[in-house]
Amino acid sequence: MSQTLHMFAVRVTTAGALGAAYMVLYKAALRRVDFDLIPVSALRRVRWWSTHATVVLAVSLTLTVLGLVLSTAT
């Protein structure tokens, strides 16, 4: 495996794992949030992310798996 492909695989795996971890934490936080306490200026952003968090989690997990597959390729 070339050094460039290996470094790419490591970065893809890292980005995917971090994205997945952040989305799991975000989804856990959404279960406890009181939407009445969120400022109106941030409410649209919170609602957008709450709607799209599952998709971002799926993409992050896909990137993690892709990075792991690339890193084990010979």
N, C-alpha and C. Protein backbone atom coordinates (compact mmCIF):
# COMPACT_ATOMS: atom_id res chain seq x y z
N MET A 1 0.84 -1.18 0.00
CA MET A 1 0.00 0.00 0.00
C MET A 1 0.88 1.23 0.00
N SER A 2 0.53 2.17 -0.81
CA SER A 2 1.32 3.39 -0.87
C SER A 2 1.11 4.23 0.38
N GLN A 3 2.09 5.02 0.68
CA GLN A 3 2.03 5.89 1.85
C GLN A 3 0.87 6.89 1.72
N THR A 4 0.64 7.39 0.52
CA THR A 4 -0.42 8.36 0.29
C THR A 4 -1.80 7.75 0.56
N LEU A 5 -2.02 6.53 0.07
CA LEU A 5 -3.30 5.86 0.28
C LEU A 5 -3.51 5.56 1.76
N HIS A 6 -2.45 5.18 2.44
CA HIS A 6 -2.54 4.89 3.87
C HIS A 6 -2.91 6.15 4.65
N MET A 7 -2.27 7.26 4.35
CA MET A 7 -2.57 8.51 5.05
C MET A 7 -4.01 8.96 4.75
N PHE A 8 -4.46 8.78 3.51
CA PHE A 8 -5.84 9.10 3.16
C PHE A 8 -6.80 8.23 3.96
N ALA A 9 -6.52 6.95 4.07
CA ALA A 9 -7.38 6.04 4.82
C ALA A 9 -7.44 6.42 6.29
N VAL A 10 -6.31 6.81 6.85
CA VAL A 10 -6.29 7.23 8.25
C VAL A 10 -7.13 8.49 8.45
N ARG A 11 -7.02 9.42 7.55
CA ARG A 11 -7.79 10.68 7.68
C ARG A 11 -9.29 10.44 7.49
N VAL A 12 -9.64 9.59 6.54
CA VAL A 12 -11.06 9.28 6.33
C VAL A 12 -11.63 8.57 7.55
N THR A 13 -10.88 7.62 8.09
CA THR A 13 -11.33 6.91 9.28
C THR A 13 -11.48 7.86 10.46
N THR A 14 -10.52 8.74 10.64
CA THR A 14 -10.57 9.70 11.75
C THR A 14 -11.75 10.65 11.60
N ALA A 15 -11.94 11.19 10.41
CA ALA A 15 -13.06 12.11 10.18
C ALA A 15 -14.39 11.41 10.41
N GLY A 16 -14.51 10.21 9.92
CA GLY A 16 -15.75 9.46 10.12
C GLY A 16 -16.02 9.14 11.57
N ALA A 17 -14.99 8.72 12.28
CA ALA A 17 -15.16 8.37 13.70
C ALA A 17 -15.51 9.60 14.53
N LEU A 18 -14.85 10.71 14.25
CA LEU A 18 -15.17 11.95 14.98
C LEU A 18 -16.58 12.42 14.69
N GLY A 19 -16.97 12.38 13.41
CA GLY A 19 -18.33 12.76 13.05
C GLY A 19 -19.36 11.88 13.72
N ALA A 20 -19.11 10.59 13.76
CA ALA A 20 -20.04 9.67 14.41
C ALA A 20 -20.13 9.94 15.90
N ALA A 21 -18.99 10.16 16.53
CA ALA A 21 -18.99 10.45 17.97
C ALA A 21 -19.75 11.73 18.28
N TYR A 22 -19.52 12.77 17.48
CA TYR A 22 -20.22 14.03 17.70
C TYR A 22 -21.72 13.87 17.51
N MET A 23 -22.14 13.13 16.51
CA MET A 23 -23.57 12.97 16.27
C MET A 23 -24.24 12.11 17.34
N VAL A 24 -23.54 11.11 17.85
CA VAL A 24 -24.10 10.32 18.95
C VAL A 24 -24.28 11.20 20.18
N LEU A 25 -23.28 12.03 20.48
CA LEU A 25 -23.40 12.95 21.61
C LEU A 25 -24.52 13.96 21.38
N TYR A 26 -24.63 14.47 20.18
CA TYR A 26 -25.66 15.46 19.86
C TYR A 26 -27.05 14.86 20.00
N LYS A 27 -27.22 13.63 19.48
CA LYS A 27 -28.53 12.98 19.57
C LYS A 27 -28.87 12.68 21.03
N ALA A 28 -27.88 12.32 21.83
CA ALA A 28 -28.13 12.09 23.25
C ALA A 28 -28.51 13.40 23.96
N ALA A 29 -27.86 14.48 23.58
CA ALA A 29 -28.18 15.78 24.18
C ALA A 29 -29.57 16.24 23.79
N LEU A 30 -29.99 15.93 22.57
CA LEU A 30 -31.32 16.34 22.11
C LEU A 30 -32.44 15.68 22.92
N ARG A 31 -32.16 14.53 23.48
CA ARG A 31 -33.18 13.85 24.29
C ARG A 31 -33.47 14.61 25.58
N ARG A 32 -32.51 15.41 26.03
CA ARG A 32 -32.66 16.09 27.31
C ARG A 32 -32.86 17.60 27.18
N VAL A 33 -32.82 18.12 25.97
CA VAL A 33 -32.87 19.56 25.78
C VAL A 33 -34.28 20.10 26.01
N ASP A 34 -34.34 21.26 26.58
CA ASP A 34 -35.60 22.00 26.72
C ASP A 34 -35.59 23.09 25.65
N PHE A 35 -36.35 22.89 24.59
CA PHE A 35 -36.32 23.79 23.45
C PHE A 35 -36.78 25.20 23.83
N ASP A 36 -37.50 25.34 24.92
CA ASP A 36 -37.94 26.68 25.36
C ASP A 36 -36.77 27.51 25.88
N LEU A 37 -35.69 26.86 26.27
CA LEU A 37 -34.53 27.57 26.81
C LEU A 37 -33.52 27.98 25.73
N ILE A 38 -33.69 27.48 24.52
CA ILE A 38 -32.76 27.81 23.44
C ILE A 38 -33.13 29.18 22.87
N PRO A 39 -32.14 30.06 22.68
CA PRO A 39 -32.45 31.37 22.10
C PRO A 39 -33.06 31.23 20.70
N VAL A 40 -33.95 32.13 20.37
CA VAL A 40 -34.64 32.09 19.08
C VAL A 40 -33.64 32.15 17.94
N SER A 41 -32.54 32.88 18.11
CA SER A 41 -31.55 33.01 17.04
C SER A 41 -30.87 31.68 16.72
N ALA A 42 -30.82 30.76 17.66
CA ALA A 42 -30.16 29.47 17.44
C ALA A 42 -31.15 28.34 17.19
N LEU A 43 -32.43 28.60 17.38
CA LEU A 43 -33.42 27.52 17.31
C LEU A 43 -33.52 26.89 15.93
N ARG A 44 -33.45 27.69 14.86
CA ARG A 44 -33.50 27.12 13.50
C ARG A 44 -32.35 26.15 13.26
N ARG A 45 -31.16 26.54 13.71
CA ARG A 45 -29.98 25.70 13.52
C ARG A 45 -30.11 24.39 14.32
N VAL A 46 -30.60 24.49 15.53
CA VAL A 46 -30.77 23.29 16.36
C VAL A 46 -31.80 22.37 15.74
N ARG A 47 -32.88 22.91 15.27
CA ARG A 47 -33.92 22.08 14.63
C ARG A 47 -33.40 21.44 13.33
N TRP A 48 -32.61 22.20 12.54
CA TRP A 48 -32.05 21.64 11.31
C TRP A 48 -31.14 20.47 11.64
N TRP A 49 -30.24 20.66 12.61
CA TRP A 49 -29.34 19.57 12.97
C TRP A 49 -30.09 18.40 13.58
N SER A 50 -31.13 18.65 14.34
CA SER A 50 -31.88 17.54 14.92
C SER A 50 -32.58 16.73 13.83
N THR A 51 -32.97 17.39 12.74
CA THR A 51 -33.59 16.70 11.62
C THR A 51 -32.57 15.89 10.82
N HIS A 52 -31.37 16.41 10.67
CA HIS A 52 -30.36 15.79 9.81
C HIS A 52 -29.29 14.98 10.56
N ALA A 53 -29.38 14.87 11.86
CA ALA A 53 -28.35 14.18 12.64
C ALA A 53 -28.23 12.71 12.27
N THR A 54 -29.33 12.05 11.98
CA THR A 54 -29.29 10.63 11.62
C THR A 54 -28.57 10.42 10.30
N VAL A 55 -28.81 11.31 9.34
CA VAL A 55 -28.14 11.21 8.04
C VAL A 55 -26.64 11.44 8.21
N VAL A 56 -26.28 12.45 8.98
CA VAL A 56 -24.86 12.74 9.21
C VAL A 56 -24.19 11.58 9.94
N LEU A 57 -24.90 10.97 10.89
CA LEU A 57 -24.36 9.80 11.59
C LEU A 57 -24.12 8.65 10.61
N ALA A 58 -25.06 8.41 9.72
CA ALA A 58 -24.90 7.32 8.74
C ALA A 58 -23.72 7.59 7.80
N VAL A 59 -23.59 8.83 7.35
CA VAL A 59 -22.46 9.18 6.47
C VAL A 59 -21.13 9.03 7.23
N SER A 60 -21.11 9.45 8.47
CA SER A 60 -19.88 9.33 9.27
C SER A 60 -19.49 7.88 9.48
N LEU A 61 -20.47 7.04 9.77
CA LEU A 61 -20.16 5.62 9.94
C LEU A 61 -19.70 4.99 8.64
N THR A 62 -20.29 5.41 7.52
CA THR A 62 -19.85 4.93 6.21
C THR A 62 -18.41 5.33 5.94
N LEU A 63 -18.06 6.57 6.25
CA LEU A 63 -16.67 7.02 6.08
C LEU A 63 -15.71 6.23 6.96
N THR A 64 -16.14 5.93 8.17
CA THR A 64 -15.29 5.15 9.08
C THR A 64 -15.02 3.77 8.50
N VAL A 65 -16.07 3.12 8.03
CA VAL A 65 -15.92 1.77 7.45
C VAL A 65 -15.07 1.84 6.18
N LEU A 66 -15.32 2.84 5.35
CA LEU A 66 -14.53 2.99 4.12
C LEU A 66 -13.05 3.19 4.45
N GLY A 67 -12.77 4.01 5.43
CA GLY A 67 -11.38 4.23 5.83
C GLY A 67 -10.73 2.96 6.35
N LEU A 68 -11.48 2.19 7.13
CA LEU A 68 -10.93 0.94 7.65
C LEU A 68 -10.68 -0.07 6.54
N VAL A 69 -11.60 -0.13 5.57
CA VAL A 69 -11.41 -1.04 4.43
C VAL A 69 -10.19 -0.60 3.61
N LEU A 70 -10.05 0.70 3.39
CA LEU A 70 -8.89 1.19 2.64
C LEU A 70 -7.58 0.91 3.38
N SER A 71 -7.61 1.02 4.71
CA SER A 71 -6.37 0.82 5.46
C SER A 71 -5.95 -0.65 5.49
N THR A 72 -6.92 -1.55 5.31
CA THR A 72 -6.55 -2.98 5.31
C THR A 72 -6.29 -3.50 3.90
N ALA A 73 -6.54 -2.67 2.88
CA ALA A 73 -6.30 -3.09 1.50
C ALA A 73 -4.80 -3.27 1.26
N THR A 74 -4.49 -4.22 0.43
CA THR A 74 -3.07 -4.46 0.14
C THR A 74 -2.70 -4.00 -1.24
